[in-house]
Amino acid sequence: MTLLYLIRHGRTDWNDAGRLQGQSDPPLNELGRQQARKAASALEKIPFQGVYSSDLRRARQTAQELVERTGLPLRFDRRLREIALGDWEGLAAVDIAARWPNEWQVWLRHPSLARPPGGESLPELEARVRAALDEIAARHDGPVAVFTHLLPIALLRCRAAGRPLDHIWDLLPENATWEVLPWPLSGSAHSA
């Protein structure tokens, strides 16, 4: 059985400032680098068969700490990126709410129906992340480290728990934490 260790990247200055990152590419800050080292230390004894990462810098930098300890190659997959937030990227929630009040309320109350202007929807995010994870799982029969982002992990937590995507805000992971899920998910048939 393939076990996916879905690891969220460490903190960035944008996290600290409350700015939505999406597919923008800020690096880890000092706390984020410390978190990445701590996560790598906790994970390094697991006999990972592969290490994969989003190609965004914050995920790559977090993953690099683990591969330096294990000697495993690091493979990148753009499909593991955070959701594309379009015009909202780099903005704080208060600024988004002021400029796009209706869209922001849909995002908060019914995220499964929302699409940020110029961005992608949660169902689109789910389709690309699942496609990547299906391919990764097909290559391995055992534990695999996958460095990714807030919403891909929260979305998969929803599906694993059999909860609708509108509950995604209840299942957000902290920076540099991980979720271990068997693949394919058993609770994945729940509708949006």
Foldseek 3Di string as FASTA:
>chain_A
DEKEKEWEFFAFVCVVVQAAAAQNATAHDPRRLVLLLVLLVVPQVFPAPEEEEAPGRRLVSSSVNNCVSNVHDYHYDNLQEGWHQAPRGGHHLVVCCVVPVVLSVCCLQPQQPHAHVGTDGLVVSQVSNVVVVVVVVVVDDYYYYYYHHFQVQLQVVCQLVLHECSCSVVRTDDHGHIDIADPPRPSRPRYD
